[in-house]
C-alpha atoms as a PDB file:
ATOM      1  CA  MET A   1       3.925  -6.476   0.933  1.00  0.00           C
ATOM      2  CA  ILE A   2       6.815  -7.451  -1.652  1.00  0.00           C
ATOM      3  CA  ASP A   3       4.464 -10.102  -3.131  1.00  0.00           C
ATOM      4  CA  PHE A   4       1.839  -7.196  -3.796  1.00  0.00           C
ATOM      5  CA  LEU A   5       4.104  -4.956  -5.419  1.00  0.00           C
ATOM      6  CA  THR A   6       5.702  -7.688  -7.598  1.00  0.00           C
ATOM      7  CA  PHE A   7       2.243  -8.977  -8.643  1.00  0.00           C
ATOM      8  CA  GLN A   8       2.663 -12.145  -7.156  1.00  0.00           C
ATOM      9  CA  THR A   9      -0.476 -11.610  -5.274  1.00  0.00           C
ATOM     10  CA  PHE A  10      -3.436 -10.029  -7.114  1.00  0.00           C
ATOM     11  CA  ILE A  11      -6.240  -8.061  -5.679  1.00  0.00           C
ATOM     12  CA  THR A  12      -8.369  -8.505  -8.692  1.00  0.00           C
ATOM     13  CA  PRO A  13     -10.250 -11.557  -7.081  1.00  0.00           C
ATOM     14  CA  SER A  14     -11.456  -9.615  -4.157  1.00  0.00           C
ATOM     15  CA  LEU A  15     -12.587  -6.744  -6.461  1.00  0.00           C
ATOM     16  CA  LEU A  16     -14.144  -9.203  -8.523  1.00  0.00           C
ATOM     17  CA  ILE A  17     -16.580 -10.286  -6.009  1.00  0.00           C
ATOM     18  CA  LEU A  18     -17.323  -6.619  -5.334  1.00  0.00           C
ATOM     19  CA  MET A  19     -17.992  -5.683  -8.707  1.00  0.00           C
ATOM     20  CA  TYR A  20     -20.149  -8.862  -9.266  1.00  0.00           C
ATOM     21  CA  TYR A  21     -22.766  -7.726  -6.513  1.00  0.00           C
ATOM     22  CA  ILE A  22     -22.699  -3.981  -7.841  1.00  0.00           C
ATOM     23  CA  GLY A  23     -23.609  -5.263 -11.308  1.00  0.00           C
ATOM     24  CA  ALA A  24     -26.223  -7.745  -9.871  1.00  0.00           C
ATOM     25  CA  LEU A  25     -28.141  -4.712  -8.361  1.00  0.00           C
ATOM     26  CA  VAL A  26     -27.616  -2.340 -11.425  1.00  0.00           C
ATOM     27  CA  ILE A  27     -28.458  -4.885 -14.255  1.00  0.00           C
ATOM     28  CA  PRO A  28     -32.039  -5.008 -13.477  1.00  0.00           C
ATOM     29  CA  LEU A  29     -32.402  -1.235 -13.038  1.00  0.00           C
ATOM     30  CA  PHE A  30     -30.335  -0.661 -16.249  1.00  0.00           C
ATOM     31  CA  ALA A  31     -32.682  -3.192 -18.185  1.00  0.00           C
ATOM     32  CA  TRP A  32     -35.687  -1.363 -16.824  1.00  0.00           C
ATOM     33  CA  TYR A  33     -34.553   2.187 -17.562  1.00  0.00           C
ATOM     34  CA  LEU A  34     -33.444   1.026 -21.161  1.00  0.00           C
ATOM     35  CA  THR A  35     -36.970  -0.577 -21.886  1.00  0.00           C
ATOM     36  CA  ILE A  36     -38.565   2.769 -20.653  1.00  0.00           C
ATOM     37  CA  TRP A  37     -36.099   4.779 -22.844  1.00  0.00           C
ATOM     38  CA  LEU A  38     -36.642   2.550 -25.969  1.00  0.00           C
ATOM     39  CA  LYS A  39     -40.445   2.589 -25.376  1.00  0.00           C
ATOM     40  CA  ASN A  40     -40.789   6.452 -25.376  1.00  0.00           C
ATOM     41  CA  LYS A  41     -38.072   7.098 -27.993  1.00  0.00           C
ATOM     42  CA  TYR A  42     -39.591   4.571 -30.745  1.00  0.00           C
ATOM     43  CA  TYR A  43     -43.105   3.593 -29.490  1.00  0.00           C
ATOM     44  CA  SER A  44     -44.512   6.457 -27.861  1.00  0.00           C
ATOM     45  CA  HIS A  45     -47.464   6.745 -30.152  1.00  0.00           C
ATOM     46  CA  LEU A  46     -48.277   3.059 -28.989  1.00  0.00           C
ATOM     47  CA  SER A  47     -47.803   2.961 -25.309  1.00  0.00           C
ATOM     48  CA  THR A  48     -51.531   4.030 -24.289  1.00  0.00           C
ATOM     49  CA  THR A  49     -53.275   2.396 -26.622  1.00  0.00           C
ATOM     50  CA  THR A  50     -51.352  -1.005 -26.741  1.00  0.00           C
ATOM     51  CA  GLN A  51     -51.488  -0.838 -22.820  1.00  0.00           C
ATOM     52  CA  ASN A  52     -55.164  -0.350 -22.957  1.00  0.00           C
ATOM     53  CA  ARG A  53     -55.647  -3.388 -25.351  1.00  0.00           C
ATOM     54  CA  LEU A  54     -53.652  -5.941 -23.550  1.00  0.00           C
ATOM     55  CA  ASN A  55     -55.962  -8.585 -21.500  1.00  0.00           C
ATOM     56  CA  ASN A  56     -54.628 -10.120 -18.515  1.00  0.00           C
ATOM     57  CA  THR A  57     -53.019 -13.031 -20.071  1.00  0.00           C
ATOM     58  CA  GLN A  58     -51.158 -10.926 -22.291  1.00  0.00           C
ATOM     59  CA  ARG A  59     -49.871  -8.744 -19.442  1.00  0.00           C
ATOM     60  CA  PHE A  60     -48.864 -11.900 -17.613  1.00  0.00           C
ATOM     61  CA  PHE A  61     -46.994 -13.199 -20.289  1.00  0.00           C
ATOM     62  CA  THR A  62     -45.102  -9.740 -20.877  1.00  0.00           C
ATOM     63  CA  TYR A  63     -44.031  -9.714 -17.487  1.00  0.00           C
ATOM     64  CA  THR A  64     -43.083 -13.174 -17.000  1.00  0.00           C
ATOM     65  CA  LEU A  65     -40.993 -12.655 -20.305  1.00  0.00           C
ATOM     66  CA  VAL A  66     -39.159  -9.729 -18.927  1.00  0.00           C
ATOM     67  CA  LEU A  67     -38.573 -11.381 -15.581  1.00  0.00           C
ATOM     68  CA  VAL A  68     -37.170 -14.527 -17.780  1.00  0.00           C
ATOM     69  CA  CYS A  69     -34.842 -11.970 -19.576  1.00  0.00           C
ATOM     70  CA  ILE A  70     -33.537 -10.680 -16.371  1.00  0.00           C
ATOM     71  CA  LEU A  71     -33.045 -13.794 -14.745  1.00  0.00           C
ATOM     72  CA  PHE A  72     -30.805 -14.718 -17.819  1.00  0.00           C
ATOM     73  CA  MET A  73     -29.167 -11.585 -17.896  1.00  0.00           C
ATOM     74  CA  GLU A  74     -27.984 -12.323 -14.064  1.00  0.00           C
ATOM     75  CA  ILE A  75     -27.015 -15.859 -14.864  1.00  0.00           C
ATOM     76  CA  LEU A  76     -24.816 -14.676 -17.587  1.00  0.00           C
ATOM     77  CA  TRP A  77     -23.308 -12.185 -15.318  1.00  0.00           C
ATOM     78  CA  ARG A  78     -22.516 -14.839 -12.691  1.00  0.00           C
ATOM     79  CA  MET A  79     -20.941 -17.034 -15.406  1.00  0.00           C
ATOM     80  CA  MET A  80     -18.842 -14.329 -16.558  1.00  0.00           C
ATOM     81  CA  PHE A  81     -17.449 -13.583 -13.143  1.00  0.00           C
ATOM     82  CA  GLU A  82     -16.974 -17.090 -12.220  1.00  0.00           C
ATOM     83  CA  PHE A  83     -14.960 -17.641 -15.409  1.00  0.00           C
ATOM     84  CA  PHE A  84     -12.654 -14.581 -14.149  1.00  0.00           C
ATOM     85  CA  ILE A  85     -12.370 -16.138 -10.495  1.00  0.00           C
ATOM     86  CA  ALA A  86     -11.322 -19.492 -12.083  1.00  0.00           C
ATOM     87  CA  TYR A  87      -8.808 -17.842 -14.340  1.00  0.00           C
ATOM     88  CA  PHE A  88      -7.114 -16.383 -10.968  1.00  0.00           C
ATOM     89  CA  ASP A  89      -7.391 -19.761  -9.218  1.00  0.00           C
ATOM     90  CA  MET A  90      -5.966 -21.372 -11.929  1.00  0.00           C
ATOM     91  CA  HIS A  91      -2.913 -18.887 -11.746  1.00  0.00           C
ATOM     92  CA  ASP A  92      -2.516 -19.181  -7.961  1.00  0.00           C
ATOM     93  CA  ALA A  93      -2.368 -23.034  -8.403  1.00  0.00           C
ATOM     94  CA  LEU A  94       0.298 -22.956 -11.159  1.00  0.00           C
ATOM     95  CA  MET A  95       2.195 -20.520  -9.109  1.00  0.00           C
ATOM     96  CA  LYS A  96       2.162 -22.955  -5.911  1.00  0.00           C
ATOM     97  CA  GLN A  97       3.236 -25.719  -8.272  1.00  0.00           C
ATOM     98  CA  LYS A  98       6.037 -23.513  -9.780  1.00  0.00           C
ATOM     99  CA  VAL A  99       7.292 -22.610  -6.077  1.00  0.00           C
ATOM    100  CA  GLY A 100       6.834 -26.303  -5.096  1.00  0.00           C
ATOM    101  CA  ARG A 101       9.767 -27.512  -7.557  1.00  0.00           C
END
């Protein structure tokens, strides 16, 4: 308990894992909401006519592009949290080395 109160033990690595999973679920939902909002705000006059003019190949390409963008967002999110967790692992290793001397 004293390690926790003197900041020798961090609670952040455990919270990082929780925040990662919450973000991994929210990012695609946010991207979908942002896409719909942008379409309605700036391209509302084009939405019905453009959708009717797209053939199956163009629709497939559009949906594939959206899925690839979401995949890249998820990978970037994962890399960011891996960096944070590695930072805390380095801190733990340095503290163990300092105590061992």
